[in-house]
N, C-alpha and C. Protein backbone atom coordinates (compact mmCIF):
# COMPACT_ATOMS: atom_id res chain seq x y z
N MET A 1 0.84 -1.18 0.00
CA MET A 1 0.00 0.00 0.00
C MET A 1 0.88 1.23 0.00
N ALA A 2 0.63 2.14 -0.91
CA ALA A 2 1.43 3.36 -1.02
C ALA A 2 0.99 4.38 0.02
N ASN A 3 1.98 5.08 0.56
CA ASN A 3 1.72 6.16 1.50
C ASN A 3 1.91 7.49 0.79
N THR A 4 0.99 8.42 0.97
CA THR A 4 1.14 9.75 0.42
C THR A 4 1.90 10.59 1.43
N ILE A 5 2.97 11.24 0.96
CA ILE A 5 3.80 12.05 1.85
C ILE A 5 4.03 13.43 1.23
N ILE A 6 4.42 14.36 2.08
CA ILE A 6 4.86 15.67 1.64
C ILE A 6 6.30 15.81 2.10
N ILE A 7 7.22 16.02 1.14
CA ILE A 7 8.61 16.22 1.53
C ILE A 7 8.93 17.70 1.42
N HIS A 8 9.65 18.18 2.40
CA HIS A 8 10.05 19.58 2.45
C HIS A 8 11.55 19.62 2.17
N LEU A 9 11.89 20.05 0.96
CA LEU A 9 13.29 20.16 0.56
C LEU A 9 13.86 21.49 1.05
N SER A 10 15.14 21.51 1.30
CA SER A 10 15.80 22.74 1.74
C SER A 10 15.68 23.81 0.65
N ASN A 11 15.15 24.97 1.00
CA ASN A 11 15.01 26.13 0.11
C ASN A 11 14.15 25.87 -1.12
N GLU A 12 13.19 24.98 -1.04
CA GLU A 12 12.28 24.67 -2.15
C GLU A 12 10.86 24.56 -1.61
N ASP A 13 9.89 24.61 -2.53
CA ASP A 13 8.49 24.39 -2.16
C ASP A 13 8.28 22.92 -1.83
N PRO A 14 7.35 22.59 -0.95
CA PRO A 14 7.06 21.18 -0.62
C PRO A 14 6.56 20.41 -1.84
N ILE A 15 6.84 19.12 -1.86
CA ILE A 15 6.44 18.25 -2.96
C ILE A 15 5.66 17.07 -2.40
N VAL A 16 4.53 16.79 -3.03
CA VAL A 16 3.66 15.67 -2.63
C VAL A 16 3.92 14.50 -3.56
N GLY A 17 3.85 13.29 -3.02
CA GLY A 17 4.00 12.10 -3.83
C GLY A 17 3.72 10.85 -3.01
N GLU A 18 3.88 9.72 -3.64
CA GLU A 18 3.62 8.45 -2.98
C GLU A 18 4.92 7.65 -2.85
N VAL A 19 5.03 6.91 -1.76
CA VAL A 19 6.14 5.98 -1.56
C VAL A 19 5.55 4.63 -1.17
N ASP A 20 6.23 3.55 -1.57
CA ASP A 20 5.76 2.21 -1.21
C ASP A 20 5.97 1.94 0.27
N GLU A 21 7.12 2.36 0.79
CA GLU A 21 7.44 2.19 2.20
C GLU A 21 8.02 3.49 2.74
N LEU A 22 7.72 3.79 3.97
CA LEU A 22 8.28 4.99 4.59
C LEU A 22 9.78 4.78 4.83
N PRO A 23 10.57 5.85 4.71
CA PRO A 23 12.01 5.69 4.91
C PRO A 23 12.34 5.34 6.35
N THR A 24 13.42 4.58 6.51
CA THR A 24 13.89 4.21 7.84
C THR A 24 15.12 5.04 8.18
N ALA A 25 15.64 4.88 9.37
CA ALA A 25 16.80 5.64 9.81
C ALA A 25 18.06 5.28 9.01
N ASP A 26 18.09 4.09 8.41
CA ASP A 26 19.26 3.66 7.64
C ASP A 26 19.24 4.12 6.19
N ASP A 27 18.11 4.61 5.69
CA ASP A 27 18.00 5.01 4.29
C ASP A 27 18.80 6.28 4.00
N THR A 28 19.35 6.35 2.79
CA THR A 28 20.08 7.55 2.35
C THR A 28 19.37 8.25 1.21
N ILE A 29 18.39 7.57 0.59
CA ILE A 29 17.61 8.16 -0.49
C ILE A 29 16.13 7.87 -0.27
N ILE A 30 15.29 8.64 -0.97
CA ILE A 30 13.85 8.38 -0.95
C ILE A 30 13.36 8.44 -2.39
N ALA A 31 12.59 7.44 -2.81
CA ALA A 31 12.03 7.37 -4.16
C ALA A 31 10.57 7.79 -4.09
N LEU A 32 10.25 8.89 -4.74
CA LEU A 32 8.91 9.47 -4.72
C LEU A 32 8.24 9.27 -6.07
N THR A 33 7.07 8.65 -6.07
CA THR A 33 6.31 8.41 -7.29
C THR A 33 5.26 9.49 -7.46
N ASN A 34 5.02 9.90 -8.70
CA ASN A 34 4.02 10.91 -9.03
C ASN A 34 4.28 12.23 -8.29
N PRO A 35 5.48 12.82 -8.43
CA PRO A 35 5.78 14.07 -7.73
C PRO A 35 4.95 15.23 -8.29
N ARG A 36 4.44 16.05 -7.38
CA ARG A 36 3.62 17.21 -7.76
C ARG A 36 3.67 18.22 -6.63
N ARG A 37 3.26 19.44 -6.92
CA ARG A 37 3.16 20.45 -5.87
C ARG A 37 1.88 20.20 -5.07
N ARG A 38 1.75 20.89 -3.98
CA ARG A 38 0.55 20.70 -3.12
C ARG A 38 -0.75 20.96 -3.86
N ASP A 39 -0.72 21.92 -4.80
CA ASP A 39 -1.94 22.25 -5.54
C ASP A 39 -2.18 21.32 -6.72
N GLY A 40 -1.34 20.28 -6.88
CA GLY A 40 -1.52 19.29 -7.94
C GLY A 40 -0.81 19.63 -9.24
N LYS A 41 -0.21 20.80 -9.34
CA LYS A 41 0.50 21.21 -10.57
C LYS A 41 1.86 20.53 -10.64
N ASP A 42 2.44 20.53 -11.84
CA ASP A 42 3.76 19.95 -12.05
C ASP A 42 4.83 20.74 -11.31
N VAL A 43 5.88 20.05 -10.92
CA VAL A 43 7.03 20.69 -10.30
C VAL A 43 7.83 21.33 -11.44
N GLN A 44 8.10 22.63 -11.35
CA GLN A 44 8.64 23.38 -12.47
C GLN A 44 10.03 22.92 -12.92
N TYR A 45 10.83 22.37 -12.05
CA TYR A 45 12.19 21.96 -12.43
C TYR A 45 12.29 20.48 -12.82
N LEU A 46 11.17 19.78 -12.90
CA LEU A 46 11.15 18.39 -13.36
C LEU A 46 10.50 18.33 -14.74
N ALA A 47 10.92 17.38 -15.56
CA ALA A 47 10.29 17.18 -16.86
C ALA A 47 8.83 16.78 -16.67
N ALA A 48 8.00 17.10 -17.64
CA ALA A 48 6.55 16.88 -17.51
C ALA A 48 6.16 15.41 -17.43
N ASP A 49 6.94 14.51 -18.03
CA ASP A 49 6.56 13.10 -18.07
C ASP A 49 7.24 12.25 -16.99
N ILE A 50 7.82 12.86 -15.99
CA ILE A 50 8.50 12.13 -14.91
C ILE A 50 7.47 11.47 -14.00
N ILE A 51 7.69 10.18 -13.69
CA ILE A 51 6.77 9.49 -12.78
C ILE A 51 7.44 9.10 -11.47
N LYS A 52 8.79 9.08 -11.42
CA LYS A 52 9.48 8.73 -10.19
C LYS A 52 10.75 9.56 -10.07
N VAL A 53 10.99 10.08 -8.87
CA VAL A 53 12.17 10.89 -8.58
C VAL A 53 12.84 10.33 -7.34
N ILE A 54 14.16 10.33 -7.33
CA ILE A 54 14.92 9.85 -6.18
C ILE A 54 15.72 11.02 -5.62
N TRP A 55 15.48 11.34 -4.35
CA TRP A 55 16.18 12.42 -3.67
C TRP A 55 17.03 11.87 -2.54
N PRO A 56 18.20 12.49 -2.31
CA PRO A 56 18.97 12.11 -1.12
C PRO A 56 18.29 12.66 0.13
N ILE A 57 18.27 11.88 1.17
CA ILE A 57 17.64 12.28 2.43
C ILE A 57 18.30 13.56 2.98
N ALA A 58 19.58 13.76 2.69
CA ALA A 58 20.30 14.93 3.20
C ALA A 58 19.70 16.25 2.72
N GLN A 59 18.99 16.27 1.58
CA GLN A 59 18.38 17.48 1.06
C GLN A 59 16.99 17.74 1.64
N ILE A 60 16.46 16.80 2.41
CA ILE A 60 15.10 16.91 2.94
C ILE A 60 15.13 17.42 4.37
N SER A 61 14.37 18.50 4.62
CA SER A 61 14.27 19.04 5.99
C SER A 61 13.42 18.15 6.87
N PHE A 62 12.22 17.82 6.38
CA PHE A 62 11.34 16.90 7.11
C PHE A 62 10.29 16.34 6.16
N ILE A 63 9.60 15.28 6.61
CA ILE A 63 8.60 14.58 5.82
C ILE A 63 7.30 14.54 6.60
N GLU A 64 6.20 14.87 5.93
CA GLU A 64 4.87 14.74 6.53
C GLU A 64 4.19 13.52 5.90
N VAL A 65 3.57 12.69 6.71
CA VAL A 65 2.84 11.52 6.23
C VAL A 65 1.35 11.83 6.31
N MET A 66 0.71 11.77 5.14
CA MET A 66 -0.72 12.07 5.07
C MET A 66 -1.52 10.85 5.52
N PRO A 67 -2.66 11.05 6.16
CA PRO A 67 -3.48 9.90 6.60
C PRO A 67 -4.07 9.18 5.39
N SER A 68 -4.19 7.87 5.52
CA SER A 68 -4.81 7.09 4.45
C SER A 68 -6.33 7.22 4.56
N GLU A 69 -7.03 6.72 3.54
CA GLU A 69 -8.50 6.80 3.55
C GLU A 69 -9.08 6.01 4.71
N ASP A 70 -8.47 4.87 5.06
CA ASP A 70 -8.96 4.07 6.18
C ASP A 70 -8.85 4.83 7.48
N GLU A 71 -7.73 5.52 7.70
CA GLU A 71 -7.53 6.29 8.92
C GLU A 71 -8.50 7.46 9.00
N GLU A 72 -8.81 8.08 7.87
CA GLU A 72 -9.75 9.18 7.87
C GLU A 72 -11.15 8.73 8.25
N ARG A 73 -11.53 7.50 7.89
CA ARG A 73 -12.85 6.99 8.25
C ARG A 73 -12.93 6.66 9.73
N ILE A 74 -11.84 6.19 10.30
CA ILE A 74 -11.82 5.81 11.72
C ILE A 74 -11.78 7.05 12.60
N ILE A 75 -10.87 7.97 12.29
CA ILE A 75 -10.70 9.18 13.11
C ILE A 75 -11.21 10.35 12.28
N GLY A 76 -12.36 10.82 12.59
CA GLY A 76 -12.94 11.93 11.84
C GLY A 76 -13.20 13.11 12.76
N PHE A 77 -13.71 14.16 12.18
CA PHE A 77 -14.04 15.34 12.94
C PHE A 77 -15.28 15.08 13.79
N VAL A 78 -15.19 15.41 15.04
CA VAL A 78 -16.32 15.19 15.96
C VAL A 78 -16.68 16.53 16.59
N ARG A 79 -17.94 16.86 16.50
CA ARG A 79 -18.41 18.10 17.12
C ARG A 79 -19.51 17.76 18.09
N GLU A 80 -19.34 18.25 19.29
CA GLU A 80 -20.34 17.96 20.32
C GLU A 80 -21.27 19.12 20.52
């Protein structure tokens, strides 16, 4: 199952994409499938037909993991 993540590169706009497995402490690279900006537009410095990009972990400030559809159904907004 692919996880949707947002990677924050140093001095760049955040990039959204999918990974098969979340990176571990031993990883030195991250392979991101379907890279795009948060608004869904293409990343300006990547070719238009790119489907997978590999970045070194050293260039990434931090990674956000988006909730899956199953998690959203279990934990939803509750108003009392």
